[in-house]
Protein backbone atom coordinates (compact mmCIF):
# COMPACT_ATOMS: atom_id res chain seq x y z
CA PRO A 1 201.08 107.97 38.33
CA PRO A 2 202.93 108.83 41.54
CA TYR A 3 204.39 112.34 41.38
CA GLY A 4 202.98 112.71 37.86
CA SER A 5 206.07 110.94 36.59
CA TYR A 6 205.70 108.83 33.49
CA THR A 7 207.34 107.64 30.30
CA GLN A 8 205.86 106.42 27.05
CA GLY A 9 206.49 102.91 28.39
CA VAL A 10 204.26 103.63 31.39
CA ILE A 11 201.55 104.98 29.08
CA ASN A 12 201.80 101.89 26.86
CA THR A 13 201.59 99.56 29.84
CA ALA A 14 198.73 101.30 31.65
CA GLY A 15 196.06 99.77 29.42
CA THR A 16 193.71 102.68 30.08
CA PRO A 17 193.58 106.27 28.91
CA PHE A 18 196.33 108.25 30.60
CA ILE A 19 195.17 111.45 32.28
CA LEU A 20 196.97 113.83 34.63
CA TRP A 21 195.66 116.66 36.78
CA SER A 22 195.76 120.35 35.99
CA ILE A 23 195.60 121.65 39.59
CA ASP A 24 197.87 120.11 42.20
CA THR A 25 196.61 121.27 45.59
CA LEU A 26 199.75 120.02 47.38
CA ASP A 27 197.40 118.87 50.12
CA TRP A 28 199.79 116.03 50.98
CA LYS A 29 202.44 118.63 51.77
CA THR A 30 200.52 121.39 53.52
CA ARG A 31 197.89 119.26 55.27
CA ASN A 32 196.02 122.51 55.75
CA ALA A 33 192.37 122.78 54.72
CA GLN A 34 192.45 126.51 53.95
CA LYS A 35 195.57 126.22 51.79
CA THR A 36 193.90 123.42 49.85
CA VAL A 37 190.75 125.51 49.40
CA ASP A 38 192.84 128.46 48.23
CA ALA A 39 194.85 126.28 45.83
CA VAL A 40 191.64 125.32 44.06
CA LEU A 41 189.49 128.41 44.21
CA SER A 42 192.27 130.84 43.30
CA LYS A 43 192.79 129.34 39.85
CA VAL A 44 190.08 126.85 38.91
CA LYS A 45 188.70 127.09 35.39
CA ASP A 46 186.56 125.04 33.05
CA GLY A 47 188.01 121.62 32.36
CA ASP A 48 190.39 121.46 35.31
CA ILE A 49 191.17 118.15 36.98
CA ILE A 50 191.98 118.68 40.65
CA LEU A 51 194.43 116.42 42.48
CA MET A 52 193.60 115.79 46.13
CA HIS A 53 194.42 112.84 48.38
CA ASP A 54 191.67 111.14 50.36
CA LEU A 55 193.80 110.03 53.30
CA TYR A 56 194.19 113.39 55.05
CA LEU A 57 191.56 114.92 57.34
CA PRO A 58 192.36 118.49 56.22
CA THR A 59 191.68 117.43 52.62
CA ALA A 60 188.28 116.08 53.62
CA GLN A 61 187.58 119.34 55.43
CA ALA A 62 188.66 121.33 52.36
CA THR A 63 186.40 119.23 50.16
CA GLU A 64 183.40 120.19 52.28
CA ILE A 65 184.15 123.82 51.37
CA ILE A 66 185.37 123.39 47.79
CA VAL A 67 182.51 121.30 46.40
CA PRO A 68 179.65 123.65 47.35
CA ARG A 69 181.68 126.68 46.22
CA LEU A 70 182.42 125.16 42.83
CA ILE A 71 178.74 124.34 42.39
CA ASP A 72 177.80 127.90 43.42
CA MET A 73 180.31 129.18 40.83
CA GLY A 74 178.45 127.20 38.15
CA PHE A 75 180.81 124.28 37.76
CA ASP A 76 179.54 120.75 37.13
CA LEU A 77 181.54 118.10 38.95
CA VAL A 78 181.96 115.19 36.56
CA SER A 79 184.09 112.12 35.99
CA VAL A 80 187.05 112.27 33.61
CA SER A 81 185.05 110.27 31.05
CA GLU A 82 182.18 112.74 31.26
CA LEU A 83 184.59 115.67 30.98
CA ALA A 84 186.20 114.21 27.86
CA GLU A 85 182.79 113.61 26.30
CA ARG A 86 181.71 117.19 27.00
CA LYS A 87 184.94 118.48 25.45
CA GLY A 88 184.57 116.21 22.41
CA ILE A 89 187.73 114.25 23.21
CA THR A 90 188.02 110.54 22.55
CA LEU A 91 190.07 108.89 25.27
CA GLU A 92 192.44 106.26 23.93
CA THR A 93 194.74 103.73 25.54
CA LYS A 94 198.46 104.09 24.95
CA ALA A 95 198.04 107.83 24.61
CA TYR A 96 198.26 110.79 26.95
CA SER A 97 195.11 112.86 26.66
CA LYS A 98 195.20 116.45 27.80
CA ILE A 99 191.66 117.59 28.52
CA LYS A 100 191.16 121.33 28.26
């Protein structure tokens, strides 16, 4: 949800599993490719979900750096559903699922 703001009512209404991110790059605020790269690579760990916005050129530029680096570091880039499956988590509607 916008700003990561939600209530149980929002979760109940969503009709899909409710997932938030674990790394907020603040790319919308900095609009700086290197700061976005640093925000990810300085703290990324197994199971993280990274929030980035696809409407900013610096974010696209950061992605071109981040993706190969994560792969070089041994990370698999997967969908949320694939991540949950690998972690043995069943995603349910009307529930907030923290994947870690």
